[in-house]
PDB file of N, CA and C in Angstrom:
ATOM      1  N   UNK A   1       0.829  -1.201   0.000  1.00  0.00           N
ATOM      2  CA  UNK A   1       0.000   0.000   0.000  1.00  0.00           C
ATOM      3  C   UNK A   1       0.862   1.250   0.000  1.00  0.00           C
ATOM      4  N   UNK A   2       0.351   2.281  -0.659  1.00  0.00           N
ATOM      5  CA  UNK A   2       1.007   3.583  -0.682  1.00  0.00           C
ATOM      6  C   UNK A   2       0.003   4.613  -0.189  1.00  0.00           C
ATOM      7  N   UNK A   3       0.421   5.435   0.750  1.00  0.00           N
ATOM      8  CA  UNK A   3      -0.422   6.518   1.240  1.00  0.00           C
ATOM      9  C   UNK A   3       0.130   7.836   0.711  1.00  0.00           C
ATOM     10  N   UNK A   4      -0.792   8.734   0.354  1.00  0.00           N
ATOM     11  CA  UNK A   4      -0.407  10.016  -0.228  1.00  0.00           C
ATOM     12  C   UNK A   4      -0.963  11.150   0.620  1.00  0.00           C
ATOM     13  N   UNK A   5      -0.128  12.136   0.900  1.00  0.00           N
ATOM     14  CA  UNK A   5      -0.537  13.304   1.674  1.00  0.00           C
ATOM     15  C   UNK A   5      -0.225  14.547   0.874  1.00  0.00           C
ATOM     16  N   UNK A   6      -1.262  15.267   0.493  1.00  0.00           N
ATOM     17  CA  UNK A   6      -1.107  16.462  -0.326  1.00  0.00           C
ATOM     18  C   UNK A   6      -1.160  17.718   0.545  1.00  0.00           C
ATOM     19  N   UNK A   7      -0.541  18.773   0.041  1.00  0.00           N
ATOM     20  CA  UNK A   7      -0.640  20.074   0.697  1.00  0.00           C
ATOM     21  C   UNK A   7      -0.347  21.156  -0.320  1.00  0.00           C
ATOM     22  N   UNK A   8      -0.744  22.384   0.012  1.00  0.00           N
ATOM     23  CA  UNK A   8      -0.346  23.533  -0.789  1.00  0.00           C
ATOM     24  C   UNK A   8      -1.429  24.225  -1.582  1.00  0.00           C
ATOM     25  N   UNK A   9      -2.647  23.730  -1.560  1.00  0.00           N
ATOM     26  CA  UNK A   9      -3.702  24.406  -2.303  1.00  0.00           C
ATOM     27  C   UNK A   9      -4.105  25.704  -1.627  1.00  0.00           C
ATOM     28  N   UNK A  10      -5.016  26.430  -2.278  1.00  0.00           N
ATOM     29  CA  UNK A  10      -5.499  27.664  -1.688  1.00  0.00           C
ATOM     30  C   UNK A  10      -6.098  28.592  -2.717  1.00  0.00           C
ATOM     31  N   UNK A  11      -6.282  29.839  -2.277  1.00  0.00           N
ATOM     32  CA  UNK A  11      -6.856  30.877  -3.126  1.00  0.00           C
ATOM     33  C   UNK A  11      -5.729  31.782  -3.616  1.00  0.00           C
ATOM     34  N   UNK A  12      -5.727  32.057  -4.907  1.00  0.00           N
ATOM     35  CA  UNK A  12      -4.691  32.915  -5.482  1.00  0.00           C
ATOM     36  C   UNK A  12      -5.324  33.786  -6.561  1.00  0.00           C
ATOM     37  N   UNK A  13      -4.776  34.963  -6.746  1.00  0.00           N
ATOM     38  CA  UNK A  13      -5.283  35.863  -7.774  1.00  0.00           C
ATOM     39  C   UNK A  13      -4.770  35.448  -9.150  1.00  0.00           C
ATOM     40  N   UNK A  14      -5.489  35.804 -10.205  1.00  0.00           N
ATOM     41  CA  UNK A  14      -4.994  35.501 -11.566  1.00  0.00           C
ATOM     42  C   UNK A  14      -3.589  36.067 -11.765  1.00  0.00           C
ATOM     43  N   UNK A  15      -2.761  35.241 -12.384  1.00  0.00           N
ATOM     44  CA  UNK A  15      -1.363  35.613 -12.568  1.00  0.00           C
ATOM     45  C   UNK A  15      -0.454  35.176 -11.444  1.00  0.00           C
ATOM     46  N   UNK A  16      -1.032  34.690 -10.364  1.00  0.00           N
ATOM     47  CA  UNK A  16      -0.259  34.291  -9.200  1.00  0.00           C
ATOM     48  C   UNK A  16       0.310  32.891  -9.326  1.00  0.00           C
ATOM     49  N   UNK A  17       0.944  32.460  -8.234  1.00  0.00           N
ATOM     50  CA  UNK A  17       1.626  31.163  -8.211  1.00  0.00           C
ATOM     51  C   UNK A  17       1.250  30.382  -6.962  1.00  0.00           C
ATOM     52  N   UNK A  18       1.336  29.076  -7.081  1.00  0.00           N
ATOM     53  CA  UNK A  18       1.138  28.180  -5.951  1.00  0.00           C
ATOM     54  C   UNK A  18       2.034  26.964  -6.144  1.00  0.00           C
ATOM     55  N   UNK A  19       2.354  26.324  -5.032  1.00  0.00           N
ATOM     56  CA  UNK A  19       3.145  25.097  -5.092  1.00  0.00           C
ATOM     57  C   UNK A  19       2.407  23.997  -4.341  1.00  0.00           C
ATOM     58  N   UNK A  20       2.158  22.904  -5.026  1.00  0.00           N
ATOM     59  CA  UNK A  20       1.545  21.737  -4.407  1.00  0.00           C
ATOM     60  C   UNK A  20       2.618  20.705  -4.089  1.00  0.00           C
ATOM     61  N   UNK A  21       2.397  19.996  -2.986  1.00  0.00           N
ATOM     62  CA  UNK A  21       3.300  18.916  -2.600  1.00  0.00           C
ATOM     63  C   UNK A  21       2.503  17.654  -2.341  1.00  0.00           C
ATOM     64  N   UNK A  22       3.119  16.522  -2.586  1.00  0.00           N
ATOM     65  CA  UNK A  22       2.487  15.231  -2.313  1.00  0.00           C
ATOM     66  C   UNK A  22       3.569  14.273  -1.824  1.00  0.00           C
ATOM     67  N   UNK A  23       3.438  13.874  -0.571  1.00  0.00           N
ATOM     68  CA  UNK A  23       4.406  12.957   0.020  1.00  0.00           C
ATOM     69  C   UNK A  23       3.827  11.555   0.061  1.00  0.00           C
ATOM     70  N   UNK A  24       4.578  10.599  -0.454  1.00  0.00           N
ATOM     71  CA  UNK A  24       4.153   9.203  -0.459  1.00  0.00           C
ATOM     72  C   UNK A  24       4.835   8.448   0.674  1.00  0.00           C
ATOM     73  N   UNK A  25       4.066   7.594   1.328  1.00  0.00           N
ATOM     74  CA  UNK A  25       4.617   6.759   2.386  1.00  0.00           C
ATOM     75  C   UNK A  25       4.091   5.339   2.212  1.00  0.00           C
ATOM     76  N   UNK A  26       4.650   4.436   3.002  1.00  0.00           N
ATOM     77  CA  UNK A  26       4.245   3.040   2.876  1.00  0.00           C
ATOM     78  C   UNK A  26       5.175   2.316   1.914  1.00  0.00           C
ATOM     79  N   UNK A  27       4.578   1.581   0.983  1.00  0.00           N
ATOM     80  CA  UNK A  27       5.367   0.776   0.050  1.00  0.00           C
ATOM     81  C   UNK A  27       5.844   1.628  -1.118  1.00  0.00           C
ATOM     82  N   UNK A  28       6.691   2.604  -0.807  1.00  0.00           N
ATOM     83  CA  UNK A  28       7.125   3.552  -1.830  1.00  0.00           C
ATOM     84  C   UNK A  28       7.933   2.879  -2.936  1.00  0.00           C
ATOM     85  N   UNK A  29       8.484   1.702  -2.655  1.00  0.00           N
ATOM     86  CA  UNK A  29       9.269   1.003  -3.666  1.00  0.00           C
ATOM     87  C   UNK A  29       8.403   0.587  -4.859  1.00  0.00           C
ATOM     88  N   UNK A  30       7.076   0.604  -4.637  1.00  0.00           N
ATOM     89  CA  UNK A  30       6.165   0.207  -5.716  1.00  0.00           C
ATOM     90  C   UNK A  30       5.894   1.344  -6.710  1.00  0.00           C
ATOM     91  N   UNK A  31       6.386   2.543  -6.407  1.00  0.00           N
ATOM     92  CA  UNK A  31       6.062   3.704  -7.233  1.00  0.00           C
ATOM     93  C   UNK A  31       6.790   3.637  -8.568  1.00  0.00           C
ATOM     94  N   UNK A  32       6.040   3.857  -9.644  1.00  0.00           N
ATOM     95  CA  UNK A  32       6.610   3.897 -10.988  1.00  0.00           C
ATOM     96  C   UNK A  32       6.523   5.320 -11.545  1.00  0.00           C
ATOM     97  N   UNK A  33       5.347   5.928 -11.399  1.00  0.00           N
ATOM     98  CA  UNK A  33       5.110   7.280 -11.901  1.00  0.00           C
ATOM     99  C   UNK A  33       4.389   8.073 -10.816  1.00  0.00           C
ATOM    100  N   UNK A  34       4.776   9.329 -10.640  1.00  0.00           N
ATOM    101  CA  UNK A  34       4.071  10.249  -9.750  1.00  0.00           C
ATOM    102  C   UNK A  34       3.565  11.418 -10.581  1.00  0.00           C
ATOM    103  N   UNK A  35       2.379  11.889 -10.248  1.00  0.00           N
ATOM    104  CA  UNK A  35       1.854  12.988 -11.048  1.00  0.00           C
ATOM    105  C   UNK A  35       0.655  13.651 -10.414  1.00  0.00           C
ATOM    106  N   UNK A  36       0.049  14.514 -11.205  1.00  0.00           N
ATOM    107  CA  UNK A  36      -1.097  15.298 -10.746  1.00  0.00           C
ATOM    108  C   UNK A  36      -2.215  15.266 -11.775  1.00  0.00           C
ATOM    109  N   UNK A  37      -3.433  15.169 -11.266  1.00  0.00           N
ATOM    110  CA  UNK A  37      -4.648  15.316 -12.054  1.00  0.00           C
ATOM    111  C   UNK A  37      -5.433  16.479 -11.438  1.00  0.00           C
ATOM    112  N   UNK A  38      -6.416  16.946 -12.152  1.00  0.00           N
ATOM    113  CA  UNK A  38      -7.312  17.953 -11.601  1.00  0.00           C
ATOM    114  C   UNK A  38      -8.726  17.722 -12.119  1.00  0.00           C
ATOM    115  N   UNK A  39      -9.672  18.198 -11.322  1.00  0.00           N
ATOM    116  CA  UNK A  39     -11.074  18.082 -11.700  1.00  0.00           C
ATOM    117  C   UNK A  39     -11.784  19.370 -11.345  1.00  0.00           C
ATOM    118  N   UNK A  40     -12.250  20.048 -12.362  1.00  0.00           N
ATOM    119  CA  UNK A  40     -13.023  21.279 -12.185  1.00  0.00           C
ATOM    120  C   UNK A  40     -14.496  20.907 -12.035  1.00  0.00           C
ATOM    121  N   UNK A  41     -15.286  21.807 -11.455  1.00  0.00           N
ATOM    122  CA  UNK A  41     -16.722  21.519 -11.278  1.00  0.00           C
ATOM    123  C   UNK A  41     -17.378  21.134 -12.601  1.00  0.00           C
ATOM    124  N   UNK A  42     -18.111  20.052 -12.571  1.00  0.00           N
ATOM    125  CA  UNK A  42     -18.890  19.567 -13.710  1.00  0.00           C
ATOM    126  C   UNK A  42     -18.022  19.181 -14.907  1.00  0.00           C
ATOM    127  N   UNK A  43     -16.759  18.892 -14.653  1.00  0.00           N
ATOM    128  CA  UNK A  43     -15.865  18.432 -15.707  1.00  0.00           C
ATOM    129  C   UNK A  43     -15.220  17.124 -15.304  1.00  0.00           C
ATOM    130  N   UNK A  44     -14.709  16.406 -16.295  1.00  0.00           N
ATOM    131  CA  UNK A  44     -14.023  15.158 -16.004  1.00  0.00           C
ATOM    132  C   UNK A  44     -12.630  15.427 -15.441  1.00  0.00           C
ATOM    133  N   UNK A  45     -12.144  14.477 -14.677  1.00  0.00           N
ATOM    134  CA  UNK A  45     -10.785  14.568 -14.160  1.00  0.00           C
ATOM    135  C   UNK A  45      -9.807  14.465 -15.328  1.00  0.00           C
ATOM    136  N   UNK A  46      -8.796  15.325 -15.306  1.00  0.00           N
ATOM    137  CA  UNK A  46      -7.838  15.341 -16.399  1.00  0.00           C
ATOM    138  C   UNK A  46      -6.410  15.304 -15.870  1.00  0.00           C
ATOM    139  N   UNK A  47      -5.547  14.694 -16.642  1.00  0.00           N
ATOM    140  CA  UNK A  47      -4.138  14.645 -16.277  1.00  0.00           C
ATOM    141  C   UNK A  47      -3.503  16.012 -16.457  1.00  0.00           C
ATOM    142  N   UNK A  48      -2.641  16.380 -15.532  1.00  0.00           N
ATOM    143  CA  UNK A  48      -1.950  17.665 -15.581  1.00  0.00           C
ATOM    144  C   UNK A  48      -0.471  17.481 -15.894  1.00  0.00           C
ATOM    145  N   UNK A  49       0.195  16.664 -15.088  1.00  0.00           N
ATOM    146  CA  UNK A  49       1.625  16.451 -15.276  1.00  0.00           C
ATOM    147  C   UNK A  49       2.023  15.149 -14.609  1.00  0.00           C
ATOM    148  N   UNK A  50       3.113  14.562 -15.089  1.00  0.00           N
ATOM    149  CA  UNK A  50       3.593  13.309 -14.513  1.00  0.00           C
ATOM    150  C   UNK A  50       5.100  13.225 -14.676  1.00  0.00           C
ATOM    151  N   UNK A  51       5.719  12.467 -13.765  1.00  0.00           N
ATOM    152  CA  UNK A  51       7.169  12.260 -13.823  1.00  0.00           C
ATOM    153  C   UNK A  51       7.457  10.813 -13.451  1.00  0.00           C
ATOM    154  N   UNK A  52       8.258  10.159 -14.264  1.00  0.00           N
ATOM    155  CA  UNK A  52       8.572   8.758 -14.026  1.00  0.00           C
ATOM    156  C   UNK A  52       9.770   8.608 -13.100  1.00  0.00           C
ATOM    157  N   UNK A  53      10.048   7.367 -12.717  1.00  0.00           N
ATOM    158  CA  UNK A  53      11.213   7.091 -11.869  1.00  0.00           C
ATOM    159  C   UNK A  53      12.510   7.542 -12.544  1.00  0.00           C
ATOM    160  N   UNK A  54      12.535   7.469 -13.861  1.00  0.00           N
ATOM    161  CA  UNK A  54      13.746   7.850 -14.590  1.00  0.00           C
ATOM    162  C   UNK A  54      13.802   9.333 -14.912  1.00  0.00           C
ATOM    163  N   UNK A  55      12.765  10.054 -14.513  1.00  0.00           N
ATOM    164  CA  UNK A  55      12.770  11.501 -14.706  1.00  0.00           C
ATOM    165  C   UNK A  55      12.091  11.996 -15.960  1.00  0.00           C
ATOM    166  N   UNK A  56      11.466  11.086 -16.712  1.00  0.00           N
ATOM    167  CA  UNK A  56      10.731  11.534 -17.896  1.00  0.00           C
ATOM    168  C   UNK A  56       9.495  12.302 -17.452  1.00  0.00           C
ATOM    169  N   UNK A  57       9.274  13.463 -18.051  1.00  0.00           N
ATOM    170  CA  UNK A  57       8.193  14.367 -17.646  1.00  0.00           C
ATOM    171  C   UNK A  57       7.228  14.602 -18.797  1.00  0.00           C
ATOM    172  N   UNK A  58       5.961  14.698 -18.466  1.00  0.00           N
ATOM    173  CA  UNK A  58       4.944  15.047 -19.451  1.00  0.00           C
ATOM    174  C   UNK A  58       3.973  16.048 -18.837  1.00  0.00           C
ATOM    175  N   UNK A  59       3.442  16.910 -19.688  1.00  0.00           N
ATOM    176  CA  UNK A  59       2.469  17.925 -19.277  1.00  0.00           C
ATOM    177  C   UNK A  59       1.287  17.921 -20.228  1.00  0.00           C
ATOM    178  N   UNK A  60       0.137  18.333 -19.711  1.00  0.00           N
ATOM    179  CA  UNK A  60      -0.983  18.584 -20.599  1.00  0.00           C
ATOM    180  C   UNK A  60      -0.709  19.881 -21.350  1.00  0.00           C
ATOM    181  N   UNK A  61      -1.295  20.007 -22.514  1.00  0.00           N
ATOM    182  CA  UNK A  61      -1.075  21.215 -23.313  1.00  0.00           C
ATOM    183  C   UNK A  61      -1.539  22.466 -22.586  1.00  0.00           C
ATOM    184  N   UNK A  62      -2.559  22.330 -21.752  1.00  0.00           N
ATOM    185  CA  UNK A  62      -3.151  23.495 -21.097  1.00  0.00           C
ATOM    186  C   UNK A  62      -2.243  24.099 -20.036  1.00  0.00           C
ATOM    187  N   UNK A  63      -1.268  23.341 -19.543  1.00  0.00           N
ATOM    188  CA  UNK A  63      -0.401  23.859 -18.479  1.00  0.00           C
ATOM    189  C   UNK A  63       1.054  23.973 -18.904  1.00  0.00           C
ATOM    190  N   UNK A  64       1.368  23.462 -20.080  1.00  0.00           N
ATOM    191  CA  UNK A  64       2.760  23.469 -20.549  1.00  0.00           C
ATOM    192  C   UNK A  64       3.299  24.901 -20.586  1.00  0.00           C
ATOM    193  N   UNK A  65       4.465  25.080 -20.017  1.00  0.00           N
ATOM    194  CA  UNK A  65       5.076  26.405 -19.968  1.00  0.00           C
ATOM    195  C   UNK A  65       4.699  27.211 -18.745  1.00  0.00           C
ATOM    196  N   UNK A  66       3.699  26.765 -18.001  1.00  0.00           N
ATOM    197  CA  UNK A  66       3.272  27.486 -16.796  1.00  0.00           C
ATOM    198  C   UNK A  66       3.486  26.668 -15.533  1.00  0.00           C
ATOM    199  N   UNK A  67       3.347  25.350 -15.650  1.00  0.00           N
ATOM    200  CA  UNK A  67       3.494  24.455 -14.500  1.00  0.00           C
ATOM    201  C   UNK A  67       4.789  23.663 -14.636  1.00  0.00           C
ATOM    202  N   UNK A  68       5.384  23.358 -13.480  1.00  0.00           N
ATOM    203  CA  UNK A  68       6.594  22.554 -13.463  1.00  0.00           C
ATOM    204  C   UNK A  68       6.445  21.456 -12.422  1.00  0.00           C
ATOM    205  N   UNK A  69       6.646  20.227 -12.851  1.00  0.00           N
ATOM    206  CA  UNK A  69       6.602  19.100 -11.930  1.00  0.00           C
ATOM    207  C   UNK A  69       8.027  18.687 -11.591  1.00  0.00           C
ATOM    208  N   UNK A  70       8.226  18.309 -10.334  1.00  0.00           N
ATOM    209  CA  UNK A  70       9.534  17.827  -9.910  1.00  0.00           C
ATOM    210  C   UNK A  70       9.333  16.761  -8.844  1.00  0.00           C
ATOM    211  N   UNK A  71      10.414  16.064  -8.555  1.00  0.00           N
ATOM    212  CA  UNK A  71      10.283  14.914  -7.662  1.00  0.00           C
ATOM    213  C   UNK A  71      11.531  14.767  -6.818  1.00  0.00           C
ATOM    214  N   UNK A  72      11.324  14.520  -5.554  1.00  0.00           N
ATOM    215  CA  UNK A  72      12.405  14.222  -4.616  1.00  0.00           C
ATOM    216  C   UNK A  72      12.326  12.735  -4.312  1.00  0.00           C
ATOM    217  N   UNK A  73      13.157  11.966  -4.962  1.00  0.00           N
ATOM    218  CA  UNK A  73      13.082  10.512  -4.795  1.00  0.00           C
ATOM    219  C   UNK A  73      13.521  10.069  -3.398  1.00  0.00           C
ATOM    220  N   UNK A  74      14.364  10.864  -2.757  1.00  0.00           N
ATOM    221  CA  UNK A  74      14.812  10.498  -1.408  1.00  0.00           C
ATOM    222  C   UNK A  74      13.650  10.508  -0.434  1.00  0.00           C
ATOM    223  N   UNK A  75      12.781  11.503  -0.597  1.00  0.00           N
ATOM    224  CA  UNK A  75      11.637  11.653   0.308  1.00  0.00           C
ATOM    225  C   UNK A  75      10.319  11.225  -0.319  1.00  0.00           C
ATOM    226  N   UNK A  76      10.391  10.641  -1.530  1.00  0.00           N
ATOM    227  CA  UNK A  76       9.179  10.164  -2.216  1.00  0.00           C
ATOM    228  C   UNK A  76       8.116  11.250  -2.276  1.00  0.00           C
ATOM    229  N   UNK A  77       8.543  12.435  -2.668  1.00  0.00           N
ATOM    230  CA  UNK A  77       7.644  13.582  -2.730  1.00  0.00           C
ATOM    231  C   UNK A  77       7.642  14.148  -4.140  1.00  0.00           C
ATOM    232  N   UNK A  78       6.458  14.498  -4.612  1.00  0.00           N
ATOM    233  CA  UNK A  78       6.324  15.140  -5.909  1.00  0.00           C
ATOM    234  C   UNK A  78       5.753  16.530  -5.701  1.00  0.00           C
ATOM    235  N   UNK A  79       6.236  17.469  -6.493  1.00  0.00           N
ATOM    236  CA  UNK A  79       5.821  18.859  -6.384  1.00  0.00           C
ATOM    237  C   UNK A  79       5.226  19.332  -7.710  1.00  0.00           C
ATOM    238  N   UNK A  80       4.341  20.296  -7.598  1.00  0.00           N
ATOM    239  CA  UNK A  80       3.806  20.952  -8.788  1.00  0.00           C
ATOM    240  C   UNK A  80       3.877  22.451  -8.564  1.00  0.00           C
ATOM    241  N   UNK A  81       4.804  23.084  -9.259  1.00  0.00           N
ATOM    242  CA  UNK A  81       4.925  24.537  -9.202  1.00  0.00           C
ATOM    243  C   UNK A  81       4.016  25.110 -10.279  1.00  0.00           C
ATOM    244  N   UNK A  82       3.052  25.918  -9.866  1.00  0.00           N
ATOM    245  CA  UNK A  82       2.081  26.486 -10.790  1.00  0.00           C
ATOM    246  C   UNK A  82       2.261  28.001 -10.839  1.00  0.00           C
ATOM    247  N   UNK A  83       2.448  28.519 -12.017  1.00  0.00           N
ATOM    248  CA  UNK A  83       2.599  29.958 -12.169  1.00  0.00           C
ATOM    249  C   UNK A  83       1.654  30.457 -13.260  1.00  0.00           C
ATOM    250  N   UNK A  84       1.530  31.781 -13.340  1.00  0.00           N
ATOM    251  CA  UNK A  84       0.610  32.398 -14.309  1.00  0.00           C
ATOM    252  C   UNK A  84      -0.766  31.741 -14.243  1.00  0.00           C
ATOM    253  N   UNK A  85      -1.231  31.537 -13.034  1.00  0.00           N
ATOM    254  CA  UNK A  85      -2.502  30.852 -12.840  1.00  0.00           C
ATOM    255  C   UNK A  85      -3.657  31.689 -13.361  1.00  0.00           C
ATOM    256  N   UNK A  86      -4.621  30.993 -13.934  1.00  0.00           N
ATOM    257  CA  UNK A  86      -5.790  31.621 -14.504  1.00  0.00           C
ATOM    258  C   UNK A  86      -7.049  31.011 -13.892  1.00  0.00           C
ATOM    259  N   UNK A  87      -8.176  31.712 -13.980  1.00  0.00           N
ATOM    260  CA  UNK A  87      -9.414  31.165 -13.402  1.00  0.00           C
ATOM    261  C   UNK A  87      -9.750  29.760 -13.912  1.00  0.00           C
ATOM    262  N   UNK A  88      -9.376  29.454 -15.127  1.00  0.00           N
ATOM    263  CA  UNK A  88      -9.677  28.117 -15.659  1.00  0.00           C
ATOM    264  C   UNK A  88      -8.817  27.026 -15.040  1.00  0.00           C
ATOM    265  N   UNK A  89      -7.821  27.408 -14.239  1.00  0.00           N
ATOM    266  CA  UNK A  89      -7.027  26.433 -13.499  1.00  0.00           C
ATOM    267  C   UNK A  89      -7.706  26.036 -12.183  1.00  0.00           C
ATOM    268  N   UNK A  90      -8.794  26.700 -11.847  1.00  0.00           N
ATOM    269  CA  UNK A  90      -9.521  26.374 -10.628  1.00  0.00           C
ATOM    270  C   UNK A  90     -10.042  24.942 -10.692  1.00  0.00           C
ATOM    271  N   UNK A  91      -9.692  24.166  -9.681  1.00  0.00           N
ATOM    272  CA  UNK A  91     -10.064  22.751  -9.659  1.00  0.00           C
ATOM    273  C   UNK A  91      -9.589  22.132  -8.351  1.00  0.00           C
ATOM    274  N   UNK A  92     -10.035  20.914  -8.115  1.00  0.00           N
ATOM    275  CA  UNK A  92      -9.428  20.102  -7.080  1.00  0.00           C
ATOM    276  C   UNK A  92      -8.277  19.336  -7.741  1.00  0.00           C
ATOM    277  N   UNK A  93      -7.109  19.465  -7.158  1.00  0.00           N
ATOM    278  CA  UNK A  93      -5.914  18.816  -7.698  1.00  0.00           C
ATOM    279  C   UNK A  93      -5.625  17.550  -6.889  1.00  0.00           C
ATOM    280  N   UNK A  94      -5.431  16.459  -7.612  1.00  0.00           N
ATOM    281  CA  UNK A  94      -5.208  15.163  -6.987  1.00  0.00           C
ATOM    282  C   UNK A  94      -3.818  14.645  -7.321  1.00  0.00           C
ATOM    283  N   UNK A  95      -3.135  14.229  -6.298  1.00  0.00           N
ATOM    284  CA  UNK A  95      -1.871  13.524  -6.505  1.00  0.00           C
ATOM    285  C   UNK A  95      -2.187  12.105  -6.961  1.00  0.00           C
ATOM    286  N   UNK A  96      -1.415  11.616  -7.896  1.00  0.00           N
ATOM    287  CA  UNK A  96      -1.630  10.269  -8.430  1.00  0.00           C
ATOM    288  C   UNK A  96      -0.304   9.520  -8.498  1.00  0.00           C
ATOM    289  N   UNK A  97      -0.344   8.292  -8.058  1.00  0.00           N
ATOM    290  CA  UNK A  97       0.832   7.432  -8.154  1.00  0.00           C
ATOM    291  C   UNK A  97       0.464   6.162  -8.895  1.00  0.00           C
ATOM    292  N   UNK A  98       1.226   5.856  -9.916  1.00  0.00           N
ATOM    293  CA  UNK A  98       1.094   4.576 -10.603  1.00  0.00           C
ATOM    294  C   UNK A  98       2.104   3.628  -9.991  1.00  0.00           C
ATOM    295  N   UNK A  99       1.599   2.566  -9.384  1.00  0.00           N
ATOM    296  CA  UNK A  99       2.469   1.598  -8.757  1.00  0.00           C
ATOM    297  C   UNK A  99       2.691   0.387  -9.643  1.00  0.00           C
ATOM    298  N   UNK A 100       3.381  -0.592  -9.106  1.00  0.00           N
ATOM    299  CA  UNK A 100       3.687  -1.787  -9.890  1.00  0.00           C
ATOM    300  C   UNK A 100       2.462  -2.662 -10.111  1.00  0.00           C
ATOM    301  N   UNK A 101       1.479  -2.549  -9.219  1.00  0.00           N
ATOM    302  CA  UNK A 101       0.300  -3.413  -9.350  1.00  0.00           C
ATOM    303  C   UNK A 101      -1.017  -2.643  -9.394  1.00  0.00           C
ATOM    304  N   UNK A 102      -0.996  -1.366  -9.018  1.00  0.00           N
ATOM    305  CA  UNK A 102      -2.228  -0.572  -9.002  1.00  0.00           C
ATOM    306  C   UNK A 102      -1.860   0.893  -8.907  1.00  0.00           C
ATOM    307  N   UNK A 103      -2.857   1.758  -9.009  1.00  0.00           N
ATOM    308  CA  UNK A 103      -2.581   3.165  -8.811  1.00  0.00           C
ATOM    309  C   UNK A 103      -3.236   3.656  -7.525  1.00  0.00           C
ATOM    310  N   UNK A 104      -2.762   4.809  -7.076  1.00  0.00           N
ATOM    311  CA  UNK A 104      -3.189   5.388  -5.813  1.00  0.00           C
ATOM    312  C   UNK A 104      -3.538   6.860  -6.028  1.00  0.00           C
ATOM    313  N   UNK A 105      -4.480   7.360  -5.214  1.00  0.00           N
ATOM    314  CA  UNK A 105      -4.909   8.751  -5.318  1.00  0.00           C
ATOM    315  C   UNK A 105      -4.816   9.443  -3.975  1.00  0.00           C
ATOM    316  N   UNK A 106      -4.437  10.721  -4.008  1.00  0.00           N
ATOM    317  CA  UNK A 106      -4.507  11.540  -2.816  1.00  0.00           C
ATOM    318  C   UNK A 106      -5.932  12.003  -2.586  1.00  0.00           C
ATOM    319  N   UNK A 107      -6.120  12.708  -1.470  1.00  0.00           N
ATOM    320  CA  UNK A 107      -7.468  13.130  -1.084  1.00  0.00           C
ATOM    321  C   UNK A 107      -7.927  14.364  -1.855  1.00  0.00           C
ATOM    322  N   UNK A 108      -6.986  15.039  -2.511  1.00  0.00           N
ATOM    323  CA  UNK A 108      -7.332  16.230  -3.280  1.00  0.00           C
ATOM    324  C   UNK A 108      -7.111  17.505  -2.500  1.00  0.00           C
ATOM    325  N   UNK A 109      -6.676  18.542  -3.199  1.00  0.00           N
ATOM    326  CA  UNK A 109      -6.499  19.848  -2.589  1.00  0.00           C
ATOM    327  C   UNK A 109      -7.081  20.896  -3.531  1.00  0.00           C
ATOM    328  N   UNK A 110      -7.845  21.814  -2.964  1.00  0.00           N
ATOM    329  CA  UNK A 110      -8.552  22.809  -3.772  1.00  0.00           C
ATOM    330  C   UNK A 110      -7.609  23.939  -4.171  1.00  0.00           C
ATOM    331  N   UNK A 111      -7.630  24.274  -5.447  1.00  0.00           N
ATOM    332  CA  UNK A 111      -6.938  25.450  -5.960  1.00  0.00           C
ATOM    333  C   UNK A 111      -7.997  26.352  -6.593  1.00  0.00           C
ATOM    334  N   UNK A 112      -8.077  27.574  -6.092  1.00  0.00           N
ATOM    335  CA  UNK A 112      -9.049  28.528  -6.603  1.00  0.00           C
ATOM    336  C   UNK A 112      -8.311  29.772  -7.086  1.00  0.00           C
ATOM    337  N   UNK A 113      -8.542  30.123  -8.348  1.00  0.00           N
ATOM    338  CA  UNK A 113      -7.913  31.297  -8.934  1.00  0.00           C
ATOM    339  C   UNK A 113      -9.011  32.326  -9.178  1.00  0.00           C
ATOM    340  N   UNK A 114      -8.960  33.387  -8.403  1.00  0.00           N
ATOM    341  CA  UNK A 114     -10.024  34.369  -8.481  1.00  0.00           C
ATOM    342  C   UNK A 114      -9.529  35.705  -7.935  1.00  0.00           C
ATOM    343  N   UNK A 115     -10.065  36.779  -8.498  1.00  0.00           N
ATOM    344  CA  UNK A 115      -9.730  38.107  -7.994  1.00  0.00           C
ATOM    345  C   UNK A 115     -10.764  38.557  -6.974  1.00  0.00           C
TER     346      UNK A 115
END
């Protein structure tokens, strides 16, 4: 089992920045990919960014150039640096881990971009 603890959401003005963190504990050796999804009201959950054990990174087109994902393998923590935030980035952000046998989800953290 892998447990995920997210932090860092909140309210920010358009153009502002936020940093999300997700710390994995438990059977961290099972982790293959760490990443982030988001779900806006009345929309489907969508992938935002992901980073593999080898450091390969992918972003959705909607956040490319504005968000940066990084990973601390020593502490099994993944970060999402979000900049130039816009109201359309408002969503619940979920940490996601793809393990060797299943995937895991964090509890979600709210990000609200509003003036």
